[in-house]
N, C-alpha and C. Protein backbone atom coordinates (compact mmCIF):
# COMPACT_ATOMS: atom_id res chain seq x y z
N MET A 1 17.87 2.72 -7.69
CA MET A 1 16.47 3.25 -7.08
C MET A 1 15.82 2.21 -6.32
N ASN A 2 15.38 2.69 -5.36
CA ASN A 2 14.39 2.18 -4.34
C ASN A 2 13.32 1.53 -4.90
N ASN A 3 13.02 0.20 -4.82
CA ASN A 3 12.03 -0.26 -5.43
C ASN A 3 11.19 -1.23 -4.83
N ARG A 4 11.08 -0.58 -3.33
CA ARG A 4 10.66 -1.43 -2.02
C ARG A 4 9.15 -0.81 -2.14
N LEU A 5 8.35 -1.55 -1.90
CA LEU A 5 6.55 -1.36 -1.61
C LEU A 5 6.32 -2.19 -0.03
N LEU A 6 5.73 -1.37 0.41
CA LEU A 6 5.20 -2.26 2.07
C LEU A 6 3.80 -2.29 1.66
N VAL A 7 3.31 -3.76 1.85
CA VAL A 7 1.90 -4.05 2.03
C VAL A 7 1.69 -4.41 3.35
N ILE A 8 0.80 -3.50 3.86
CA ILE A 8 0.41 -3.82 5.35
C ILE A 8 -1.20 -4.46 5.14
N GLU A 9 -0.99 -5.86 5.41
CA GLU A 9 -2.25 -6.65 4.96
C GLU A 9 -2.37 -8.08 5.95
N ASP A 10 -3.36 -8.29 6.50
CA ASP A 10 -3.39 -9.46 7.57
C ASP A 10 -3.70 -10.77 6.99
N ASN A 11 -4.43 -10.71 5.79
CA ASN A 11 -5.27 -11.89 4.94
C ASN A 11 -3.75 -12.04 4.03
N GLU A 12 -3.63 -13.46 4.20
CA GLU A 12 -2.47 -14.23 3.46
C GLU A 12 -2.55 -14.17 2.08
N GLN A 13 -3.74 -14.56 1.90
CA GLN A 13 -4.16 -14.44 0.26
C GLN A 13 -3.93 -13.44 -0.51
N ASN A 14 -4.82 -12.18 0.37
CA ASN A 14 -4.51 -10.96 -0.35
C ASN A 14 -3.07 -10.45 -0.40
N LEU A 15 -2.22 -10.78 0.70
CA LEU A 15 -0.77 -10.20 0.50
C LEU A 15 -0.31 -11.08 -0.86
N TYR A 16 -0.65 -12.39 -0.77
CA TYR A 16 0.10 -13.02 -1.87
C TYR A 16 -0.34 -12.55 -3.30
N LEU A 17 -1.35 -12.17 -3.33
CA LEU A 17 -2.00 -11.38 -4.69
C LEU A 17 -1.11 -10.01 -4.80
N MET A 18 -1.13 -9.33 -3.99
CA MET A 18 -0.43 -8.15 -4.26
C MET A 18 0.77 -8.55 -4.72
N ARG A 19 1.39 -9.50 -3.78
CA ARG A 19 3.10 -9.58 -3.84
C ARG A 19 3.21 -9.96 -5.62
N PHE A 20 2.64 -11.07 -6.01
CA PHE A 20 2.36 -11.73 -7.14
C PHE A 20 2.45 -10.51 -8.28
N LEU A 21 1.35 -9.40 -7.94
CA LEU A 21 0.90 -8.81 -9.06
C LEU A 21 2.07 -7.80 -9.05
N LEU A 22 2.61 -7.03 -8.25
CA LEU A 22 3.89 -6.18 -7.76
C LEU A 22 5.11 -6.46 -8.37
N GLU A 23 5.27 -8.13 -7.83
CA GLU A 23 6.56 -8.57 -8.10
C GLU A 23 6.90 -8.67 -9.91
N ARG A 24 5.55 -8.80 -10.45
CA ARG A 24 5.79 -8.70 -11.72
C ARG A 24 6.10 -7.37 -12.50
N SER A 25 5.87 -6.43 -11.88
CA SER A 25 5.95 -4.97 -12.30
C SER A 25 7.68 -4.71 -11.62
N GLY A 26 8.17 -5.63 -10.81
CA GLY A 26 9.72 -4.77 -10.74
C GLY A 26 10.15 -4.28 -9.34
N PHE A 27 8.98 -4.54 -8.56
CA PHE A 27 8.71 -4.09 -7.13
C PHE A 27 9.49 -5.23 -6.36
N THR A 28 10.29 -4.89 -5.48
CA THR A 28 10.39 -5.75 -4.03
C THR A 28 9.16 -5.24 -3.14
N ILE A 29 8.51 -6.42 -2.79
CA ILE A 29 7.49 -6.31 -1.62
C ILE A 29 7.57 -6.58 -0.35
N ILE A 30 7.51 -6.26 0.78
CA ILE A 30 7.62 -6.23 1.91
C ILE A 30 6.44 -6.68 2.69
N GLY A 31 6.11 -7.34 3.32
CA GLY A 31 4.91 -7.66 3.87
C GLY A 31 4.73 -7.61 5.57
N ALA A 32 3.63 -6.85 5.76
CA ALA A 32 3.64 -6.65 7.48
C ALA A 32 2.08 -7.11 7.58
N GLU A 33 1.87 -8.37 8.76
CA GLU A 33 0.34 -8.46 8.84
C GLU A 33 -0.59 -7.84 9.95
N ASP A 34 0.42 -6.69 10.40
CA ASP A 34 -0.72 -6.03 11.10
C ASP A 34 -0.38 -4.68 11.29
N GLY A 35 -1.01 -3.77 11.93
CA GLY A 35 -0.29 -2.07 11.61
C GLY A 35 0.59 -1.76 12.60
N ARG A 36 1.07 -2.22 13.72
CA ARG A 36 1.88 -2.22 14.29
C ARG A 36 3.27 -2.45 13.87
N LYS A 37 3.17 -3.58 13.14
CA LYS A 37 4.07 -4.10 12.42
C LYS A 37 4.74 -3.37 11.21
N GLY A 38 3.53 -2.82 10.78
CA GLY A 38 3.59 -2.19 9.34
C GLY A 38 4.46 -0.43 9.82
N ILE A 39 4.13 -0.39 10.86
CA ILE A 39 4.58 0.74 11.19
C ILE A 39 6.32 0.98 11.65
N GLU A 40 6.57 -0.13 12.29
CA GLU A 40 8.19 -0.89 12.56
C GLU A 40 8.76 -0.59 10.98
N MET A 41 8.33 -1.56 10.00
CA MET A 41 9.23 -2.04 8.74
C MET A 41 8.96 -0.36 8.12
N ALA A 42 7.69 0.46 8.23
CA ALA A 42 7.92 1.40 7.23
C ALA A 42 8.99 2.50 7.71
N LEU A 43 9.25 2.62 8.69
CA LEU A 43 10.57 3.37 9.30
C LEU A 43 11.71 2.71 8.95
N SER A 44 12.18 1.32 8.95
CA SER A 44 13.15 0.87 8.77
C SER A 44 13.50 0.38 7.44
N CYS A 45 12.81 0.25 6.57
CA CYS A 45 12.55 -0.07 5.04
C CYS A 45 12.64 1.12 4.32
N GLN A 46 11.82 2.37 4.49
CA GLN A 46 11.89 3.09 3.50
C GLN A 46 11.47 3.16 2.57
N PRO A 47 9.88 2.49 2.59
CA PRO A 47 9.58 2.15 1.23
C PRO A 47 9.03 3.14 0.37
N LEU A 48 9.00 2.97 -0.63
CA LEU A 48 8.71 4.02 -2.19
C LEU A 48 7.18 3.77 -1.64
N ALA A 49 6.23 3.49 -1.62
CA ALA A 49 4.68 3.43 -1.29
C ALA A 49 4.12 2.26 -0.29
N ILE A 50 3.45 2.66 0.45
CA ILE A 50 2.83 1.74 1.26
C ILE A 50 1.22 1.73 0.53
N LEU A 51 0.65 0.42 0.56
CA LEU A 51 -0.36 0.06 0.36
C LEU A 51 -1.13 -0.40 1.85
N LEU A 52 -2.21 -0.14 2.20
CA LEU A 52 -2.60 -0.17 3.71
C LEU A 52 -4.10 -0.95 3.55
N ASP A 53 -3.94 -1.96 4.26
CA ASP A 53 -5.63 -2.59 4.44
C ASP A 53 -5.89 -1.56 5.86
N ILE A 54 -7.46 -1.59 5.82
CA ILE A 54 -8.33 -0.99 6.71
C ILE A 54 -8.43 -1.88 8.19
N GLN A 55 -9.07 -2.82 7.39
CA GLN A 55 -9.22 -3.75 8.43
C GLN A 55 -8.25 -4.46 9.12
N LEU A 56 -7.38 -4.46 10.04
CA LEU A 56 -6.29 -4.77 10.76
C LEU A 56 -6.55 -5.20 12.09
N PRO A 57 -5.83 -6.17 12.39
CA PRO A 57 -5.91 -5.99 13.98
C PRO A 57 -5.06 -5.13 14.47
N GLN A 58 -5.34 -5.22 15.64
CA GLN A 58 -4.43 -4.08 16.68
C GLN A 58 -5.03 -2.77 16.49
N MET A 59 -4.59 -2.30 15.44
CA MET A 59 -5.41 -1.03 15.31
C MET A 59 -5.67 -1.11 13.74
N ASP A 60 -6.37 -0.35 13.55
CA ASP A 60 -6.73 -0.21 11.92
C ASP A 60 -6.17 0.71 11.34
N GLY A 61 -6.47 0.61 9.85
CA GLY A 61 -5.65 1.29 9.26
C GLY A 61 -5.83 2.62 8.85
N TYR A 62 -6.93 3.34 9.58
CA TYR A 62 -7.06 4.76 9.62
C TYR A 62 -5.96 5.53 10.89
N ALA A 63 -5.69 4.56 11.94
CA ALA A 63 -4.82 4.60 12.92
C ALA A 63 -3.52 4.59 12.39
N VAL A 64 -3.38 3.49 11.62
CA VAL A 64 -1.48 3.25 11.04
C VAL A 64 -1.42 4.59 9.80
N ALA A 65 -2.27 5.06 9.44
CA ALA A 65 -1.81 6.29 8.31
C ALA A 65 -1.51 7.56 9.09
N ALA A 66 -2.43 7.56 10.43
CA ALA A 66 -1.91 9.00 11.01
C ALA A 66 -1.09 8.58 12.15
N GLU A 67 -0.40 7.51 12.35
CA GLU A 67 0.85 7.06 12.96
C GLU A 67 1.71 7.32 11.70
N LEU A 68 1.84 6.88 10.94
CA LEU A 68 3.01 7.05 9.67
C LEU A 68 3.18 8.43 9.23
N ARG A 69 2.04 9.04 9.31
CA ARG A 69 1.83 10.61 9.35
C ARG A 69 3.25 11.52 10.06
N LYS A 70 3.20 11.23 11.37
CA LYS A 70 3.61 11.73 12.41
C LYS A 70 5.05 11.72 12.04
N HIS A 71 5.79 11.03 11.39
CA HIS A 71 6.96 10.74 11.20
C HIS A 71 7.58 11.48 9.67
N SER A 72 8.24 12.40 9.88
CA SER A 72 9.17 13.18 9.23
C SER A 72 9.53 12.68 8.19
N ASP A 73 10.11 11.28 8.26
CA ASP A 73 10.86 10.87 7.20
C ASP A 73 10.15 10.26 6.18
N LEU A 74 8.84 9.79 6.52
CA LEU A 74 7.84 9.18 5.75
C LEU A 74 6.99 9.92 4.98
N ASP A 75 6.85 11.65 5.58
CA ASP A 75 5.82 12.35 4.82
C ASP A 75 5.67 12.61 3.45
N LYS A 76 6.90 12.10 2.72
CA LYS A 76 6.97 12.08 1.20
C LYS A 76 6.52 10.69 0.53
N VAL A 77 5.77 9.65 1.58
CA VAL A 77 6.08 8.40 1.32
C VAL A 77 4.67 8.15 0.91
N PRO A 78 3.79 7.81 -0.39
CA PRO A 78 2.63 7.84 -0.31
C PRO A 78 1.97 6.51 0.03
N ILE A 79 0.51 6.84 0.63
CA ILE A 79 0.04 5.89 1.29
C ILE A 79 -1.40 5.17 0.39
N ILE A 80 -1.66 4.14 -0.09
CA ILE A 80 -2.58 3.95 -0.92
C ILE A 80 -3.58 2.69 0.11
N ALA A 81 -4.98 3.14 0.15
CA ALA A 81 -5.60 1.99 0.82
C ALA A 81 -6.13 1.33 0.08
N VAL A 82 -5.80 -0.18 0.47
CA VAL A 82 -6.51 -1.28 -0.57
C VAL A 82 -7.48 -1.90 0.27
N THR A 83 -8.94 -1.62 0.44
CA THR A 83 -9.62 -2.18 1.21
C THR A 83 -10.96 -2.71 0.43
N SER A 84 -12.10 -3.24 1.24
CA SER A 84 -12.91 -3.74 1.12
C SER A 84 -14.26 -2.19 1.38
N TYR A 85 -13.62 -1.30 1.94
CA TYR A 85 -14.62 -0.18 2.39
C TYR A 85 -14.56 0.41 1.06
N ALA A 86 -15.91 0.50 0.29
CA ALA A 86 -15.79 0.76 -0.86
C ALA A 86 -17.38 1.54 -1.20
N MET A 87 -17.84 2.18 0.11
CA MET A 87 -19.22 2.68 0.23
C MET A 87 -18.96 3.97 -0.04
N VAL A 88 -19.95 4.79 -0.58
CA VAL A 88 -19.93 6.43 -0.31
C VAL A 88 -19.22 6.82 0.88
N GLY A 89 -18.16 7.76 0.72
CA GLY A 89 -17.41 8.76 1.90
C GLY A 89 -16.55 7.82 2.37
N ASP A 90 -16.12 6.26 2.07
CA ASP A 90 -15.13 5.81 2.25
C ASP A 90 -13.45 5.94 1.92
N ARG A 91 -13.76 6.44 0.47
CA ARG A 91 -12.40 7.20 -0.02
C ARG A 91 -12.27 8.65 0.55
N GLU A 92 -13.08 9.12 1.21
CA GLU A 92 -12.69 10.37 1.80
C GLU A 92 -12.05 10.35 2.98
N LYS A 93 -12.98 9.19 3.75
CA LYS A 93 -12.24 9.12 5.43
C LYS A 93 -10.77 8.58 4.84
N CYS A 94 -10.49 7.72 4.24
CA CYS A 94 -8.78 7.30 3.94
C CYS A 94 -8.30 8.36 3.79
N LEU A 95 -8.67 9.63 2.91
CA LEU A 95 -7.92 10.76 2.63
C LEU A 95 -7.94 11.79 3.76
N LYS A 96 -8.62 11.90 4.80
CA LYS A 96 -8.61 12.48 5.90
C LYS A 96 -7.90 12.09 6.73
N ALA A 97 -7.65 10.66 6.54
CA ALA A 97 -6.79 9.97 7.77
C ALA A 97 -5.49 10.05 7.47
N GLY A 98 -5.04 10.71 6.11
CA GLY A 98 -3.65 10.97 5.96
C GLY A 98 -3.03 10.09 4.64
N MET A 99 -4.24 9.29 4.02
CA MET A 99 -3.88 8.27 2.76
C MET A 99 -3.64 9.33 1.24
N ASP A 100 -3.12 8.77 0.99
CA ASP A 100 -3.40 9.57 -0.49
C ASP A 100 -3.95 9.11 -1.88
N ASP A 101 -4.43 7.88 -1.83
CA ASP A 101 -5.47 7.31 -2.49
C ASP A 101 -6.40 6.33 -1.93
N HIS A 102 -7.03 5.68 -2.97
CA HIS A 102 -7.93 4.20 -2.57
C HIS A 102 -8.23 3.49 -3.37
N ILE A 103 -8.08 2.41 -2.96
CA ILE A 103 -8.58 1.50 -4.33
C ILE A 103 -9.47 0.29 -3.46
N PRO A 104 -10.53 0.22 -4.14
CA PRO A 104 -11.43 -1.06 -3.29
C PRO A 104 -11.24 -2.62 -3.82
N LYS A 105 -11.36 -3.33 -2.79
CA LYS A 105 -11.10 -4.88 -3.11
C LYS A 105 -12.58 -5.41 -3.51
N PRO A 106 -12.44 -6.15 -4.36
CA PRO A 106 -11.56 -6.83 -5.13
C PRO A 106 -10.46 -6.43 -5.89
N VAL A 107 -9.11 -6.18 -5.71
CA VAL A 107 -8.10 -5.54 -6.45
C VAL A 107 -7.97 -5.86 -7.89
N ARG A 108 -8.35 -4.80 -8.61
CA ARG A 108 -8.10 -4.93 -10.61
C ARG A 108 -6.47 -4.22 -10.42
N VAL A 109 -6.16 -5.10 -11.17
CA VAL A 109 -4.36 -4.90 -11.56
C VAL A 109 -4.56 -3.36 -12.50
N GLU A 110 -5.62 -3.24 -13.21
CA GLU A 110 -5.43 -2.05 -13.98
C GLU A 110 -5.67 -0.79 -12.83
N ALA A 111 -6.57 -0.64 -11.48
CA ALA A 111 -6.62 0.08 -10.76
C ALA A 111 -5.30 0.13 -9.86
N LEU A 112 -4.72 -0.73 -9.66
CA LEU A 112 -3.22 -0.77 -8.80
C LEU A 112 -2.36 -0.07 -9.29
N HIS A 113 -2.46 -0.21 -10.73
CA HIS A 113 -1.21 0.30 -11.60
C HIS A 113 -1.30 1.64 -11.81
N ALA A 114 -2.95 2.05 -12.01
CA ALA A 114 -3.12 3.39 -12.21
C ALA A 114 -2.69 4.15 -10.89
N ALA A 115 -3.05 3.80 -9.62
CA ALA A 115 -2.99 4.23 -8.13
C ALA A 115 -1.27 4.58 -8.09
N LEU A 116 -0.48 3.27 -8.39
CA LEU A 116 0.83 3.53 -8.31
C LEU A 116 1.43 4.54 -9.53
N SER A 117 1.03 4.26 -10.75
CA SER A 117 1.59 5.73 -11.55
C SER A 117 1.39 7.00 -11.14
N ARG A 118 0.13 7.46 -10.32
CA ARG A 118 -0.19 8.75 -9.71
C ARG A 118 0.66 8.84 -8.91
N TRP A 119 1.39 8.36 -8.25
CA TRP A 119 2.11 8.32 -6.87
C TRP A 119 3.69 8.15 -7.17
N LEU A 120 4.01 7.29 -7.71
CA LEU A 120 5.39 7.24 -7.95
C LEU A 120 6.35 7.75 -8.99
N PRO A 121 7.12 7.99 -8.76
CA PRO A 121 8.52 8.93 -9.49
C PRO A 121 8.40 8.00 -11.25
N PRO A 122 8.43 8.50 -12.05
CA PRO A 122 8.35 8.35 -13.59
C PRO A 122 9.25 7.26 -13.86
N GLY A 123 8.69 5.90 -14.20
CA GLY A 123 9.70 4.61 -14.66
C GLY A 123 9.93 3.91 -13.49
N ALA A 124 9.16 4.16 -12.25
CA ALA A 124 9.35 3.35 -11.17
C ALA A 124 8.36 1.82 -11.60
N LEU A 125 7.30 2.38 -11.98
CA LEU A 125 6.22 1.04 -12.04
C LEU A 125 6.51 0.60 -14.06
N LEU A 126 7.34 -0.69 -13.96
CA LEU A 126 7.62 -1.19 -15.06
C LEU A 126 6.46 -2.12 -15.61
N PRO A 127 6.23 -2.50 -16.87
CA PRO A 127 4.98 -2.96 -17.66
C PRO A 127 5.43 -4.42 -16.71
N PRO A 128 4.46 -5.16 -16.25
CA PRO A 128 3.69 -6.60 -15.61
C PRO A 128 4.87 -7.33 -16.86
N ARG A 129 6.07 -8.21 -16.06
CA ARG A 129 6.36 -9.36 -16.94
C ARG A 129 5.65 -10.51 -17.49
N ALA A 130 5.40 -10.95 -18.35
CA ALA A 130 4.54 -12.15 -18.48
C ALA A 130 4.84 -13.48 -17.82
N GLY A 131 3.95 -14.30 -17.86
CA GLY A 131 4.30 -15.51 -17.28
C GLY A 131 4.48 -15.71 -15.89
N GLY A 132 4.10 -14.74 -14.86
CA GLY A 132 4.17 -14.44 -13.49
C GLY A 132 5.74 -14.20 -12.90
N ALA A 133 5.77 -14.13 -11.60
CA ALA A 133 7.09 -13.93 -10.82
C ALA A 133 8.33 -14.68 -11.20
């Protein structure tokens, strides 16, 4: 089964945290540091889901989501915003841009796993392994 998740995140520490949390649950993490690279990676690796920051260099997460949704081979891939944009209306703005869900930063592991559980096939999300990756 495909276990690849694409994390489009320009902050190295945030990418490290996402990698740590998600590899413990059995995923292979592919990272992209900007929106354009993220689009290229999504098309080439066909991820199970995309975790997308909004504040990115070159093009923001809203534009990235809109561009990803133009590709028919990615139309079933869930896009989950992982962002510090957590004010009233930010979730709706993400959904309008083509994202499927919204997780505010700082990321809580429970919220991350809950969002993935909503969008991934049954059995894709394994219980985290104790002791790290």
